[in-house]
Amino acid sequence: MSNGRRPIAAIFLIFVLASGATFAPAANNPSTTNPDWRLNGDYLRKIPSDLVTAWTAPVRWDGNDFLKLAAFAGATGLLFVFDREIYDWIQGHKTTASIDASRVISKFGNGGYLAGFLAVLYGGGEIFDSRPLRKTALLGLESFVAASAVIFVFKIVAGRARPYAGEGPDSFHPFSFKGRYISFASGDAAGAFAIATTIAERSDSFWVDALAYTAAGLAAFYRVHDRKHWPSDVFAGSAIGYFTARAINALNKDGDGVQVSFQAGPDSRSVTLSFAF
């Protein structure tokens, strides 16, 4: 199949059904085999169980979960209709500053840089003997892997042409492995939101949450800005990353989040930053 709208309905149906696993939070099942949350055999053996539980979440759905899926599918479909208009508007409003910023912001969703960030976070947990930091890093890694696996399936099944392919947003080449035909959905957006959501789930600070989601949002936006994806691609990828991380984190809740607080002094001229691990 190549250009045209004929494969769109089938591909969109597959996307809706496959994405369902990311929407229902998995049952709470804290790890007891690796209480210190270290990167070891116990952790590696736990990953498959978590992934299977998250991906089979639809069997435990209730009405609210179906409503979430319907809202997500509807929003993605609406964006799909206006992909060309939104994409052209963004391209028409690029500036020298926005192009220069791409050199930095484009790395926010890059898998290599995200892995490096998680490695630094985990290393900090080892250096300071902080279980919450290690757990945040390992749950971030697990969420990233889970979201990336889902995204990979979408990319291959949909075979959507990237903007730079010059074929338009309605061009699909199902089961193509060519780089220019793996636009739907955005892996960078999924990875960025998977890690941002993990950080937000583990933090009690509004500012930490805001910073994490701002970075993820910029990573998603710049995939359109840099002609790598259509708007519906990045929306779908962002949502998949977000809900996948929510499901993974729901499996591992035990009330030990990373707490960050900001305290202003009596004279309103001093600010104290404290971390409780």
Protein backbone atom coordinates (compact mmCIF):
# COMPACT_ATOMS: atom_id res chain seq x y z
CA MET A 1 0.00 0.00 0.00
CA SER A 2 1.25 3.47 -0.76
CA ASN A 3 -0.44 6.82 -1.00
CA GLY A 4 -4.12 7.43 -0.41
CA ARG A 5 -6.62 7.18 2.38
CA ARG A 6 -7.63 3.54 1.95
CA PRO A 7 -5.34 2.08 4.66
CA ILE A 8 -5.98 4.87 7.17
CA ALA A 9 -9.08 3.37 8.81
CA ALA A 10 -7.49 -0.06 9.30
CA ILE A 11 -4.25 1.39 10.64
CA PHE A 12 -6.10 3.71 13.01
CA LEU A 13 -8.17 0.79 14.35
CA ILE A 14 -5.01 -1.23 15.00
CA PHE A 15 -3.51 1.79 16.73
CA VAL A 16 -6.52 2.22 19.01
CA LEU A 17 -6.59 -1.45 19.99
CA ALA A 18 -2.83 -1.70 20.52
CA SER A 19 -2.62 1.51 22.52
CA GLY A 20 -5.24 0.32 24.96
CA ALA A 21 -2.67 -1.34 27.19
CA THR A 22 -1.20 2.01 28.14
CA PHE A 23 -4.35 3.51 29.60
CA ALA A 24 -5.37 1.45 32.59
CA PRO A 25 -3.12 1.63 35.63
CA ALA A 26 -1.82 -1.79 36.50
CA ALA A 27 -2.56 -3.40 39.84
CA ASN A 28 -0.40 -2.22 42.70
CA ASN A 29 2.38 -4.78 43.11
CA PRO A 30 5.43 -3.31 44.89
CA SER A 31 8.67 -5.18 44.45
CA THR A 32 9.75 -7.16 47.50
CA THR A 33 12.62 -9.08 45.89
CA ASN A 34 14.77 -5.97 45.38
CA PRO A 35 13.93 -3.62 48.27
CA ASP A 36 17.03 -1.44 47.72
CA TRP A 37 16.19 -0.86 44.03
CA ARG A 38 19.51 -1.68 42.47
CA LEU A 39 20.35 -2.57 38.88
CA ASN A 40 20.87 -6.29 39.42
CA GLY A 41 19.44 -9.65 38.49
CA ASP A 42 16.36 -9.18 40.66
CA TYR A 43 15.48 -5.96 38.84
CA LEU A 44 16.07 -7.46 35.39
CA ARG A 45 13.86 -10.43 36.25
CA LYS A 46 11.10 -8.09 37.44
CA ILE A 47 10.92 -6.11 34.18
CA PRO A 48 9.13 -8.78 32.07
CA SER A 49 6.46 -9.22 34.75
CA ASP A 50 5.82 -5.48 34.93
CA LEU A 51 5.65 -5.15 31.15
CA VAL A 52 3.22 -8.04 30.73
CA THR A 53 1.00 -6.70 33.52
CA ALA A 54 0.96 -3.21 31.97
CA TRP A 55 0.34 -4.47 28.43
CA THR A 56 -2.51 -6.76 29.54
CA ALA A 57 -4.23 -3.96 31.49
CA PRO A 58 -7.27 -3.90 29.12
CA VAL A 59 -8.58 -7.11 30.69
CA ARG A 60 -9.03 -5.09 33.89
CA TRP A 61 -10.65 -2.05 32.28
CA ASP A 62 -13.71 -0.28 33.63
CA GLY A 63 -15.89 2.39 32.08
CA ASN A 64 -13.51 5.23 32.90
CA ASP A 65 -10.67 3.51 31.06
CA PHE A 66 -12.76 3.16 27.93
CA LEU A 67 -13.68 6.85 28.17
CA LYS A 68 -9.98 7.77 28.37
CA LEU A 69 -9.21 5.67 25.32
CA ALA A 70 -12.11 7.21 23.41
CA ALA A 71 -10.93 10.72 24.29
CA PHE A 72 -7.38 9.90 23.25
CA ALA A 73 -8.43 8.29 19.97
CA GLY A 74 -10.75 11.21 19.22
CA ALA A 75 -8.06 13.81 19.90
CA THR A 76 -5.56 11.92 17.75
CA GLY A 77 -8.08 11.61 14.94
CA LEU A 78 -8.92 15.33 15.11
CA LEU A 79 -5.26 16.25 14.93
CA PHE A 80 -4.85 13.88 12.00
CA VAL A 81 -7.48 15.84 10.07
CA PHE A 82 -5.61 19.11 10.65
CA ASP A 83 -2.06 17.77 10.51
CA ARG A 84 -1.15 19.61 7.33
CA GLU A 85 -2.53 22.96 8.48
CA ILE A 86 -0.84 22.81 11.90
CA TYR A 87 2.43 21.57 10.43
CA ASP A 88 2.50 24.33 7.79
CA TRP A 89 1.76 26.99 10.43
CA ILE A 90 4.68 25.83 12.57
CA GLN A 91 7.02 25.74 9.59
CA GLY A 92 5.90 29.20 8.55
CA HIS A 93 6.67 30.67 11.99
CA LYS A 94 10.17 29.25 12.46
CA THR A 95 12.79 31.84 13.38
CA THR A 96 16.55 31.95 13.54
CA ALA A 97 16.31 31.62 17.34
CA SER A 98 14.01 28.60 17.17
CA ILE A 99 16.29 26.91 14.66
CA ASP A 100 19.35 27.57 16.82
CA ALA A 101 17.51 26.24 19.90
CA SER A 102 16.91 22.96 18.08
CA ARG A 103 20.55 21.97 18.59
CA VAL A 104 19.85 21.66 22.32
CA ILE A 105 16.14 20.91 22.58
CA SER A 106 16.21 18.11 20.02
CA LYS A 107 18.38 16.15 22.46
CA PHE A 108 15.64 16.19 25.14
CA GLY A 109 13.91 13.26 23.46
CA ASN A 110 16.96 11.49 22.03
CA GLY A 111 17.19 7.95 23.38
CA GLY A 112 20.92 8.14 23.98
CA TYR A 113 20.69 11.34 25.99
CA LEU A 114 17.69 10.05 27.95
CA ALA A 115 19.63 6.91 28.82
CA GLY A 116 22.56 9.08 29.89
CA PHE A 117 20.29 11.15 32.12
CA LEU A 118 18.93 8.02 33.78
CA ALA A 119 22.47 6.71 34.26
CA VAL A 120 23.48 9.96 35.99
CA LEU A 121 20.35 9.80 38.16
CA TYR A 122 21.08 6.21 39.13
CA GLY A 123 24.73 7.05 39.76
CA GLY A 124 23.65 9.83 42.10
CA GLY A 125 21.52 7.32 43.96
CA GLU A 126 24.53 5.06 44.42
CA ILE A 127 26.87 7.89 45.45
CA PHE A 128 24.44 9.32 48.01
CA ASP A 129 22.98 5.91 48.91
CA SER A 130 19.53 7.20 47.94
CA ARG A 131 16.96 4.48 47.30
CA PRO A 132 14.38 6.97 45.91
CA LEU A 133 16.85 8.26 43.30
CA ARG A 134 17.78 4.73 42.24
CA LYS A 135 14.12 3.76 42.07
CA THR A 136 13.24 6.82 39.99
CA ALA A 137 16.02 6.02 37.54
CA LEU A 138 15.07 2.34 37.23
CA LEU A 139 11.35 3.04 36.87
CA GLY A 140 12.21 5.67 34.27
CA LEU A 141 14.23 3.06 32.37
CA GLU A 142 11.40 0.54 32.61
CA SER A 143 8.83 3.09 31.42
CA PHE A 144 11.10 4.14 28.56
CA VAL A 145 11.54 0.53 27.41
CA ALA A 146 7.81 -0.20 27.70
CA ALA A 147 6.79 2.91 25.74
CA SER A 148 9.48 2.35 23.09
CA ALA A 149 8.25 -1.20 22.47
CA VAL A 150 4.70 0.03 21.89
CA ILE A 151 5.92 2.82 19.62
CA PHE A 152 7.99 0.38 17.56
CA VAL A 153 4.89 -1.68 16.80
CA PHE A 154 2.97 1.43 15.73
CA LYS A 155 5.76 2.63 13.47
CA ILE A 156 6.05 -0.64 11.59
CA VAL A 157 2.31 -1.32 11.32
CA ALA A 158 1.40 2.22 10.23
CA GLY A 159 4.34 2.99 7.94
CA ARG A 160 3.39 6.65 7.85
CA ALA A 161 5.55 8.92 5.73
CA ARG A 162 7.54 11.56 7.59
CA PRO A 163 7.05 15.19 6.55
CA TYR A 164 10.44 15.36 4.87
CA ALA A 165 9.46 12.45 2.60
CA GLY A 166 7.33 14.96 0.66
CA GLU A 167 4.33 12.62 0.37
CA GLY A 168 1.94 14.37 2.75
CA PRO A 169 0.26 13.26 6.00
CA ASP A 170 -2.06 10.79 4.22
CA SER A 171 0.73 8.56 2.89
CA PHE A 172 1.07 5.15 4.54
CA HIS A 173 3.38 2.23 3.73
CA PRO A 174 2.44 -0.48 6.26
CA PHE A 175 5.23 -2.78 7.42
CA SER A 176 7.96 -0.72 5.84
CA PHE A 177 11.27 -0.49 7.67
CA LYS A 178 12.52 2.57 5.80
CA GLY A 179 13.38 5.53 8.00
CA ARG A 180 11.17 7.94 6.09
CA TYR A 181 8.13 5.70 6.66
CA ILE A 182 8.14 5.38 10.46
CA SER A 183 6.52 8.68 11.43
CA PHE A 184 3.60 7.41 13.54
CA ALA A 185 4.03 7.67 16.44
CA SER A 186 6.92 9.76 17.77
CA GLY A 187 9.44 7.74 19.74
CA ASP A 188 11.24 10.85 21.01
CA ALA A 189 8.00 12.27 22.40
CA ALA A 190 7.11 8.93 24.00
CA GLY A 191 10.50 8.55 25.64
CA ALA A 192 10.59 12.13 26.90
CA PHE A 193 7.10 11.89 28.43
CA ALA A 194 7.73 8.43 29.88
CA ILE A 195 10.67 9.76 31.88
CA ALA A 196 9.03 13.10 32.69
CA THR A 197 5.96 11.29 34.01
CA THR A 198 8.09 8.97 36.13
CA ILE A 199 9.84 11.97 37.67
CA ALA A 200 6.51 13.70 38.29
CA GLU A 201 5.01 10.56 39.83
CA ARG A 202 7.95 10.31 42.21
CA SER A 203 8.22 14.01 43.11
CA ASP A 204 6.16 16.17 45.48
CA SER A 205 7.32 19.44 43.94
CA PHE A 206 5.24 21.44 41.48
CA TRP A 207 8.43 23.01 40.08
CA VAL A 208 10.11 19.67 39.43
CA ASP A 209 6.97 18.42 37.69
CA ALA A 210 6.71 21.61 35.63
CA LEU A 211 10.36 21.43 34.58
CA ALA A 212 10.09 17.76 33.59
CA TYR A 213 6.92 18.24 31.53
CA THR A 214 8.20 21.46 29.94
CA ALA A 215 11.31 19.66 28.72
CA ALA A 216 9.20 16.78 27.39
CA GLY A 217 6.76 19.18 25.71
CA LEU A 218 9.60 21.02 23.99
CA ALA A 219 11.07 17.72 22.81
CA ALA A 220 7.70 16.80 21.28
CA PHE A 221 7.14 20.21 19.68
CA TYR A 222 10.56 20.24 18.07
CA ARG A 223 9.90 16.95 16.31
CA VAL A 224 7.33 18.88 14.26
CA HIS A 225 9.50 22.00 14.09
CA ASP A 226 12.39 19.94 12.69
CA ARG A 227 10.24 18.25 10.03
CA LYS A 228 10.52 14.79 11.61
CA HIS A 229 6.86 14.26 12.55
CA TRP A 230 3.29 15.41 12.02
CA PRO A 231 1.41 16.92 15.01
CA SER A 232 -0.73 13.81 15.52
CA ASP A 233 2.46 11.72 15.67
CA VAL A 234 3.86 13.68 18.61
CA PHE A 235 0.52 13.85 20.42
CA ALA A 236 0.09 10.08 20.18
CA GLY A 237 3.69 9.45 21.23
CA SER A 238 3.43 11.83 24.18
CA ALA A 239 0.21 10.21 25.41
CA ILE A 240 1.63 6.71 25.07
CA GLY A 241 4.73 7.70 27.03
CA TYR A 242 2.63 9.37 29.72
CA PHE A 243 0.11 6.56 30.26
CA THR A 244 2.71 3.81 29.99
CA ALA A 245 4.77 5.44 32.74
CA ARG A 246 1.63 5.85 34.87
CA ALA A 247 0.93 2.12 34.51
CA ILE A 248 4.51 1.09 35.35
CA ASN A 249 4.68 3.41 38.35
CA ALA A 250 1.32 2.17 39.63
CA LEU A 251 2.86 -1.29 39.87
CA ASN A 252 5.62 -0.07 42.14
CA LYS A 253 4.14 2.44 44.57
CA ASP A 254 5.35 2.24 48.15
CA GLY A 255 5.21 5.83 49.37
CA ASP A 256 8.89 6.68 49.12
CA GLY A 257 8.91 9.45 46.55
CA VAL A 258 11.63 12.03 46.11
CA GLN A 259 10.54 15.09 48.07
CA VAL A 260 11.69 18.54 47.04
CA SER A 261 10.68 21.67 48.97
CA PHE A 262 11.31 25.39 48.60
CA GLN A 263 11.21 27.56 51.73
CA ALA A 264 11.38 31.33 51.78
CA GLY A 265 13.04 33.03 54.74
CA PRO A 266 11.25 35.53 57.05
CA ASP A 267 12.76 38.49 55.23
CA SER A 268 11.57 37.09 51.87
CA ARG A 269 15.09 37.51 50.51
CA SER A 270 16.33 33.96 51.04
CA VAL A 271 15.23 30.67 49.54
CA THR A 272 16.22 27.27 50.89
CA LEU A 273 16.19 24.18 48.69
CA SER A 274 15.99 20.90 50.57
CA PHE A 275 15.83 17.31 49.42
CA ALA A 276 14.42 14.48 51.51
CA PHE A 277 15.42 11.02 50.35
